[in-house]
PDB file of N, CA and C in Angstrom:
ATOM      1  N   MET A   1      -8.949   4.293   6.583  1.00  0.00           N
ATOM      2  CA  MET A   1      -8.576   2.905   6.414  1.00  0.00           C
ATOM      3  C   MET A   1      -7.093   2.845   6.073  1.00  0.00           C
ATOM      4  N   THR A   2      -6.492   1.690   6.258  1.00  0.00           N
ATOM      5  CA  THR A   2      -5.066   1.536   5.978  1.00  0.00           C
ATOM      6  C   THR A   2      -4.860   0.640   4.760  1.00  0.00           C
ATOM      7  N   LEU A   3      -3.670   0.695   4.222  1.00  0.00           N
ATOM      8  CA  LEU A   3      -3.318  -0.109   3.056  1.00  0.00           C
ATOM      9  C   LEU A   3      -3.499  -1.598   3.334  1.00  0.00           C
ATOM     10  N   SER A   4      -3.268  -2.026   4.537  1.00  0.00           N
ATOM     11  CA  SER A   4      -3.379  -3.453   4.878  1.00  0.00           C
ATOM     12  C   SER A   4      -4.809  -3.982   4.742  1.00  0.00           C
ATOM     13  N   GLU A   5      -5.796  -3.105   4.684  1.00  0.00           N
ATOM     14  CA  GLU A   5      -7.191  -3.519   4.579  1.00  0.00           C
ATOM     15  C   GLU A   5      -7.663  -3.730   3.148  1.00  0.00           C
ATOM     16  N   LEU A   6      -6.874  -3.302   2.161  1.00  0.00           N
ATOM     17  CA  LEU A   6      -7.267  -3.488   0.768  1.00  0.00           C
ATOM     18  C   LEU A   6      -7.100  -4.941   0.351  1.00  0.00           C
ATOM     19  N   LYS A   7      -7.970  -5.387  -0.523  1.00  0.00           N
ATOM     20  CA  LYS A   7      -7.935  -6.740  -1.072  1.00  0.00           C
ATOM     21  C   LYS A   7      -7.325  -6.681  -2.478  1.00  0.00           C
ATOM     22  N   PRO A   8      -6.855  -7.811  -3.008  1.00  0.00           N
ATOM     23  CA  PRO A   8      -6.327  -7.820  -4.372  1.00  0.00           C
ATOM     24  C   PRO A   8      -7.346  -7.277  -5.373  1.00  0.00           C
ATOM     25  N   GLY A   9      -6.871  -6.415  -6.268  1.00  0.00           N
ATOM     26  CA  GLY A   9      -7.737  -5.788  -7.267  1.00  0.00           C
ATOM     27  C   GLY A   9      -8.251  -4.425  -6.854  1.00  0.00           C
ATOM     28  N   GLU A  10      -8.133  -4.069  -5.575  1.00  0.00           N
ATOM     29  CA  GLU A  10      -8.609  -2.772  -5.100  1.00  0.00           C
ATOM     30  C   GLU A  10      -7.488  -1.740  -5.187  1.00  0.00           C
ATOM     31  N   SER A  11      -7.896  -0.489  -5.387  1.00  0.00           N
ATOM     32  CA  SER A  11      -6.947   0.612  -5.489  1.00  0.00           C
ATOM     33  C   SER A  11      -7.240   1.650  -4.424  1.00  0.00           C
ATOM     34  N   GLY A  12      -6.241   2.464  -4.149  1.00  0.00           N
ATOM     35  CA  GLY A  12      -6.410   3.524  -3.169  1.00  0.00           C
ATOM     36  C   GLY A  12      -5.419   4.650  -3.399  1.00  0.00           C
ATOM     37  N   ARG A  13      -5.658   5.759  -2.742  1.00  0.00           N
ATOM     38  CA  ARG A  13      -4.770   6.922  -2.808  1.00  0.00           C
ATOM     39  C   ARG A  13      -4.211   7.157  -1.412  1.00  0.00           C
ATOM     40  N   ILE A  14      -2.915   7.331  -1.316  1.00  0.00           N
ATOM     41  CA  ILE A  14      -2.266   7.530  -0.023  1.00  0.00           C
ATOM     42  C   ILE A  14      -2.632   8.898   0.532  1.00  0.00           C
ATOM     43  N   ILE A  15      -3.057   8.899   1.790  1.00  0.00           N
ATOM     44  CA  ILE A  15      -3.384  10.139   2.486  1.00  0.00           C
ATOM     45  C   ILE A  15      -2.242  10.541   3.414  1.00  0.00           C
ATOM     46  N   HIS A  16      -1.697   9.560   4.155  1.00  0.00           N
ATOM     47  CA  HIS A  16      -0.657   9.889   5.137  1.00  0.00           C
ATOM     48  C   HIS A  16       0.132   8.641   5.511  1.00  0.00           C
ATOM     49  N   VAL A  17       1.415   8.815   5.772  1.00  0.00           N
ATOM     50  CA  VAL A  17       2.276   7.738   6.276  1.00  0.00           C
ATOM     51  C   VAL A  17       2.582   8.056   7.732  1.00  0.00           C
ATOM     52  N   TYR A  18       2.214   7.164   8.643  1.00  0.00           N
ATOM     53  CA  TYR A  18       2.302   7.437  10.077  1.00  0.00           C
ATOM     54  C   TYR A  18       3.590   7.033  10.759  1.00  0.00           C
ATOM     55  N   SER A  19       4.218   5.964  10.349  1.00  0.00           N
ATOM     56  CA  SER A  19       5.355   5.420  11.086  1.00  0.00           C
ATOM     57  C   SER A  19       6.560   6.349  11.045  1.00  0.00           C
ATOM     58  N   ASN A  20       7.073   6.729  12.218  1.00  0.00           N
ATOM     59  CA  ASN A  20       8.278   7.550  12.280  1.00  0.00           C
ATOM     60  C   ASN A  20       9.510   6.745  11.877  1.00  0.00           C
ATOM     61  N   ASN A  21       9.565   5.482  12.280  1.00  0.00           N
ATOM     62  CA  ASN A  21      10.725   4.646  11.998  1.00  0.00           C
ATOM     63  C   ASN A  21      10.838   4.276  10.520  1.00  0.00           C
ATOM     64  N   LEU A  22       9.704   4.015   9.888  1.00  0.00           N
ATOM     65  CA  LEU A  22       9.708   3.560   8.498  1.00  0.00           C
ATOM     66  C   LEU A  22       9.407   4.672   7.495  1.00  0.00           C
ATOM     67  N   ARG A  23       9.009   5.832   7.975  1.00  0.00           N
ATOM     68  CA  ARG A  23       8.519   6.906   7.097  1.00  0.00           C
ATOM     69  C   ARG A  23       9.490   7.254   5.963  1.00  0.00           C
ATOM     70  N   LYS A  24      10.751   7.481   6.279  1.00  0.00           N
ATOM     71  CA  LYS A  24      11.717   7.861   5.247  1.00  0.00           C
ATOM     72  C   LYS A  24      11.888   6.746   4.222  1.00  0.00           C
ATOM     73  N   ARG A  25      11.997   5.517   4.676  1.00  0.00           N
ATOM     74  CA  ARG A  25      12.171   4.382   3.755  1.00  0.00           C
ATOM     75  C   ARG A  25      10.953   4.223   2.856  1.00  0.00           C
ATOM     76  N   ILE A  26       9.754   4.349   3.423  1.00  0.00           N
ATOM     77  CA  ILE A  26       8.530   4.219   2.644  1.00  0.00           C
ATOM     78  C   ILE A  26       8.422   5.344   1.616  1.00  0.00           C
ATOM     79  N   ILE A  27       8.745   6.557   2.005  1.00  0.00           N
ATOM     80  CA  ILE A  27       8.699   7.689   1.079  1.00  0.00           C
ATOM     81  C   ILE A  27       9.753   7.518  -0.016  1.00  0.00           C
ATOM     82  N   ASP A  28      10.929   7.019   0.327  1.00  0.00           N
ATOM     83  CA  ASP A  28      11.980   6.770  -0.665  1.00  0.00           C
ATOM     84  C   ASP A  28      11.545   5.735  -1.706  1.00  0.00           C
ATOM     85  N   MET A  29      10.639   4.848  -1.338  1.00  0.00           N
ATOM     86  CA  MET A  29      10.129   3.844  -2.275  1.00  0.00           C
ATOM     87  C   MET A  29       9.027   4.406  -3.178  1.00  0.00           C
ATOM     88  N   GLY A  30       8.670   5.674  -3.002  1.00  0.00           N
ATOM     89  CA  GLY A  30       7.672   6.298  -3.866  1.00  0.00           C
ATOM     90  C   GLY A  30       6.283   6.357  -3.281  1.00  0.00           C
ATOM     91  N   LEU A  31       6.112   5.949  -2.031  1.00  0.00           N
ATOM     92  CA  LEU A  31       4.796   5.963  -1.395  1.00  0.00           C
ATOM     93  C   LEU A  31       4.586   7.299  -0.688  1.00  0.00           C
ATOM     94  N   THR A  32       4.259   8.316  -1.466  1.00  0.00           N
ATOM     95  CA  THR A  32       4.061   9.658  -0.937  1.00  0.00           C
ATOM     96  C   THR A  32       2.581  10.020  -0.970  1.00  0.00           C
ATOM     97  N   ASN A  33       2.217  11.066  -0.249  1.00  0.00           N
ATOM     98  CA  ASN A  33       0.821  11.507  -0.209  1.00  0.00           C
ATOM     99  C   ASN A  33       0.311  11.775  -1.621  1.00  0.00           C
ATOM    100  N   GLY A  34      -0.893  11.281  -1.908  1.00  0.00           N
ATOM    101  CA  GLY A  34      -1.518  11.474  -3.209  1.00  0.00           C
ATOM    102  C   GLY A  34      -1.209  10.398  -4.228  1.00  0.00           C
ATOM    103  N   THR A  35      -0.270   9.514  -3.933  1.00  0.00           N
ATOM    104  CA  THR A  35       0.101   8.446  -4.869  1.00  0.00           C
ATOM    105  C   THR A  35      -0.992   7.388  -4.935  1.00  0.00           C
ATOM    106  N   VAL A  36      -1.339   6.974  -6.149  1.00  0.00           N
ATOM    107  CA  VAL A  36      -2.338   5.922  -6.350  1.00  0.00           C
ATOM    108  C   VAL A  36      -1.628   4.579  -6.351  1.00  0.00           C
ATOM    109  N   ILE A  37      -2.186   3.625  -5.614  1.00  0.00           N
ATOM    110  CA  ILE A  37      -1.619   2.285  -5.519  1.00  0.00           C
ATOM    111  C   ILE A  37      -2.699   1.261  -5.804  1.00  0.00           C
ATOM    112  N   LYS A  38      -2.276   0.073  -6.223  1.00  0.00           N
ATOM    113  CA  LYS A  38      -3.213  -1.024  -6.470  1.00  0.00           C
ATOM    114  C   LYS A  38      -2.635  -2.297  -5.874  1.00  0.00           C
ATOM    115  N   VAL A  39      -3.439  -3.020  -5.124  1.00  0.00           N
ATOM    116  CA  VAL A  39      -3.004  -4.292  -4.552  1.00  0.00           C
ATOM    117  C   VAL A  39      -3.123  -5.354  -5.637  1.00  0.00           C
ATOM    118  N   LYS A  40      -2.003  -6.001  -5.955  1.00  0.00           N
ATOM    119  CA  LYS A  40      -1.988  -7.027  -6.990  1.00  0.00           C
ATOM    120  C   LYS A  40      -2.274  -8.416  -6.415  1.00  0.00           C
ATOM    121  N   LYS A  41      -1.571  -8.778  -5.341  1.00  0.00           N
ATOM    122  CA  LYS A  41      -1.813 -10.097  -4.749  1.00  0.00           C
ATOM    123  C   LYS A  41      -1.290 -10.147  -3.322  1.00  0.00           C
ATOM    124  N   LEU A  42      -1.767 -11.163  -2.614  1.00  0.00           N
ATOM    125  CA  LEU A  42      -1.331 -11.432  -1.246  1.00  0.00           C
ATOM    126  C   LEU A  42      -0.644 -12.787  -1.224  1.00  0.00           C
ATOM    127  N   ALA A  43       0.313 -12.952  -0.336  1.00  0.00           N
ATOM    128  CA  ALA A  43       0.945 -14.251  -0.139  1.00  0.00           C
ATOM    129  C   ALA A  43      -0.103 -15.224   0.403  1.00  0.00           C
ATOM    130  N   PRO A  44       0.123 -16.515   0.280  1.00  0.00           N
ATOM    131  CA  PRO A  44      -0.874 -17.498   0.731  1.00  0.00           C
ATOM    132  C   PRO A  44      -1.362 -17.303   2.170  1.00  0.00           C
ATOM    133  N   LEU A  45      -0.503 -16.870   3.068  1.00  0.00           N
ATOM    134  CA  LEU A  45      -0.931 -16.644   4.443  1.00  0.00           C
ATOM    135  C   LEU A  45      -1.309 -15.184   4.702  1.00  0.00           C
ATOM    136  N   GLY A  46      -1.369 -14.365   3.625  1.00  0.00           N
ATOM    137  CA  GLY A  46      -1.805 -12.979   3.756  1.00  0.00           C
ATOM    138  C   GLY A  46      -0.706 -11.967   4.016  1.00  0.00           C
ATOM    139  N   ASP A  47       0.514 -12.417   4.190  1.00  0.00           N
ATOM    140  CA  ASP A  47       1.610 -11.494   4.470  1.00  0.00           C
ATOM    141  C   ASP A  47       2.870 -12.037   3.810  1.00  0.00           C
ATOM    142  N   PRO A  48       3.544 -11.312   2.954  1.00  0.00           N
ATOM    143  CA  PRO A  48       3.373  -9.908   2.602  1.00  0.00           C
ATOM    144  C   PRO A  48       2.359  -9.701   1.480  1.00  0.00           C
ATOM    145  N   MET A  49       2.208  -8.431   1.071  1.00  0.00           N
ATOM    146  CA  MET A  49       1.308  -8.087  -0.025  1.00  0.00           C
ATOM    147  C   MET A  49       2.119  -7.414  -1.127  1.00  0.00           C
ATOM    148  N   GLU A  50       1.695  -7.650  -2.369  1.00  0.00           N
ATOM    149  CA  GLU A  50       2.366  -7.026  -3.508  1.00  0.00           C
ATOM    150  C   GLU A  50       1.478  -5.921  -4.045  1.00  0.00           C
ATOM    151  N   ILE A  51       2.047  -4.725  -4.214  1.00  0.00           N
ATOM    152  CA  ILE A  51       1.276  -3.593  -4.723  1.00  0.00           C
ATOM    153  C   ILE A  51       1.954  -3.038  -5.969  1.00  0.00           C
ATOM    154  N   LEU A  52       1.144  -2.383  -6.794  1.00  0.00           N
ATOM    155  CA  LEU A  52       1.641  -1.681  -7.965  1.00  0.00           C
ATOM    156  C   LEU A  52       1.622  -0.200  -7.644  1.00  0.00           C
ATOM    157  N   VAL A  53       2.783   0.433  -7.714  1.00  0.00           N
ATOM    158  CA  VAL A  53       2.902   1.851  -7.389  1.00  0.00           C
ATOM    159  C   VAL A  53       3.853   2.495  -8.396  1.00  0.00           C
ATOM    160  N   ARG A  54       3.413   3.552  -9.036  1.00  0.00           N
ATOM    161  CA  ARG A  54       4.247   4.305  -9.998  1.00  0.00           C
ATOM    162  C   ARG A  54       4.869   3.419 -11.069  1.00  0.00           C
ATOM    163  N   GLY A  55       4.137   2.385 -11.495  1.00  0.00           N
ATOM    164  CA  GLY A  55       4.607   1.535 -12.585  1.00  0.00           C
ATOM    165  C   GLY A  55       5.524   0.393 -12.189  1.00  0.00           C
ATOM    166  N   TYR A  56       5.754   0.166 -10.909  1.00  0.00           N
ATOM    167  CA  TYR A  56       6.574  -0.972 -10.502  1.00  0.00           C
ATOM    168  C   TYR A  56       5.900  -1.711  -9.348  1.00  0.00           C
ATOM    169  N   PHE A  57       6.303  -2.962  -9.169  1.00  0.00           N
ATOM    170  CA  PHE A  57       5.741  -3.792  -8.117  1.00  0.00           C
ATOM    171  C   PHE A  57       6.596  -3.681  -6.863  1.00  0.00           C
ATOM    172  N   LEU A  58       5.928  -3.580  -5.736  1.00  0.00           N
ATOM    173  CA  LEU A  58       6.589  -3.432  -4.443  1.00  0.00           C
ATOM    174  C   LEU A  58       5.932  -4.395  -3.464  1.00  0.00           C
ATOM    175  N   THR A  59       6.721  -5.047  -2.656  1.00  0.00           N
ATOM    176  CA  THR A  59       6.201  -5.970  -1.649  1.00  0.00           C
ATOM    177  C   THR A  59       6.376  -5.351  -0.278  1.00  0.00           C
ATOM    178  N   LEU A  60       5.265  -5.314   0.479  1.00  0.00           N
ATOM    179  CA  LEU A  60       5.271  -4.759   1.833  1.00  0.00           C
ATOM    180  C   LEU A  60       4.709  -5.768   2.814  1.00  0.00           C
ATOM    181  N   ARG A  61       5.229  -5.765   4.002  1.00  0.00           N
ATOM    182  CA  ARG A  61       4.634  -6.562   5.077  1.00  0.00           C
ATOM    183  C   ARG A  61       3.382  -5.866   5.568  1.00  0.00           C
ATOM    184  N   LYS A  62       2.471  -6.628   6.149  1.00  0.00           N
ATOM    185  CA  LYS A  62       1.220  -6.055   6.669  1.00  0.00           C
ATOM    186  C   LYS A  62       1.492  -5.007   7.742  1.00  0.00           C
ATOM    187  N   ALA A  63       2.518  -5.223   8.572  1.00  0.00           N
ATOM    188  CA  ALA A  63       2.852  -4.244   9.617  1.00  0.00           C
ATOM    189  C   ALA A  63       3.233  -2.906   9.001  1.00  0.00           C
ATOM    190  N   GLU A  64       3.956  -2.926   7.892  1.00  0.00           N
ATOM    191  CA  GLU A  64       4.309  -1.688   7.200  1.00  0.00           C
ATOM    192  C   GLU A  64       3.080  -1.062   6.547  1.00  0.00           C
ATOM    193  N   ALA A  65       2.236  -1.891   5.954  1.00  0.00           N
ATOM    194  CA  ALA A  65       1.028  -1.407   5.278  1.00  0.00           C
ATOM    195  C   ALA A  65       0.053  -0.764   6.266  1.00  0.00           C
ATOM    196  N   ARG A  66       0.072  -1.205   7.518  1.00  0.00           N
ATOM    197  CA  ARG A  66      -0.829  -0.624   8.525  1.00  0.00           C
ATOM    198  C   ARG A  66      -0.443   0.803   8.894  1.00  0.00           C
ATOM    199  N   THR A  67       0.756   1.237   8.540  1.00  0.00           N
ATOM    200  CA  THR A  67       1.188   2.597   8.857  1.00  0.00           C
ATOM    201  C   THR A  67       0.847   3.592   7.744  1.00  0.00           C
ATOM    202  N   ILE A  68       0.189   3.107   6.678  1.00  0.00           N
ATOM    203  CA  ILE A  68      -0.133   3.952   5.525  1.00  0.00           C
ATOM    204  C   ILE A  68      -1.639   4.125   5.435  1.00  0.00           C
ATOM    205  N   GLU A  69      -2.108   5.349   5.681  1.00  0.00           N
ATOM    206  CA  GLU A  69      -3.541   5.650   5.590  1.00  0.00           C
ATOM    207  C   GLU A  69      -3.889   5.935   4.131  1.00  0.00           C
ATOM    208  N   ILE A  70      -4.989   5.333   3.667  1.00  0.00           N
ATOM    209  CA  ILE A  70      -5.407   5.509   2.277  1.00  0.00           C
ATOM    210  C   ILE A  70      -6.904   5.774   2.201  1.00  0.00           C
ATOM    211  N   GLU A  71      -7.343   6.214   1.029  1.00  0.00           N
ATOM    212  CA  GLU A  71      -8.760   6.242   0.706  1.00  0.00           C
ATOM    213  C   GLU A  71      -8.973   5.320  -0.472  1.00  0.00           C
ATOM    214  N   ARG A  72      -9.969   4.460  -0.414  1.00  0.00           N
ATOM    215  CA  ARG A  72     -10.256   3.509  -1.476  1.00  0.00           C
ATOM    216  C   ARG A  72     -10.798   4.273  -2.683  1.00  0.00           C
ATOM    217  N   ILE A  73     -10.305   3.951  -3.876  1.00  0.00           N
ATOM    218  CA  ILE A  73     -10.785   4.654  -5.064  1.00  0.00           C
ATOM    219  C   ILE A  73     -11.342   3.750  -6.137  1.00  0.00           C
ATOM    220  N   GLY A  74     -11.183   2.439  -6.013  1.00  0.00           N
ATOM    221  CA  GLY A  74     -11.753   1.586  -7.055  1.00  0.00           C
ATOM    222  C   GLY A  74     -11.470   0.121  -6.851  1.00  0.00           C
ATOM    223  N   VAL A  75     -12.207  -0.690  -7.631  1.00  0.00           N
ATOM    224  CA  VAL A  75     -12.060  -2.134  -7.586  1.00  0.00           C
ATOM    225  C   VAL A  75     -12.076  -2.646  -9.014  1.00  0.00           C
ATOM    226  N   ASP A  76     -11.094  -3.487  -9.380  1.00  0.00           N
ATOM    227  CA  ASP A  76     -11.089  -4.161 -10.678  1.00  0.00           C
ATOM    228  C   ASP A  76     -11.452  -5.612 -10.442  1.00  0.00           C
ATOM    229  N   LEU A  77     -12.446  -6.094 -11.140  1.00  0.00           N
ATOM    230  CA  LEU A  77     -12.838  -7.498 -10.988  1.00  0.00           C
ATOM    231  C   LEU A  77     -12.490  -8.287 -12.206  1.00  0.00           C
TER     232      LEU A  77
END
């Protein structure tokens, strides 16, 4: 599954970043393999999404989030 499929409150662990064009920029932002992330909220129309990663908030577009493969690890309700 990809990061774009997570809903607010769900968490996941990054498995792989696929995009060749965005890979370096995404890795520079701290989104590396094994990193745990949590989706905090989505914009009203669903794009972009705000995630919590390594103690800071990061906003990604859905197109960027689709290039990040994750495994779901939990849900906070």
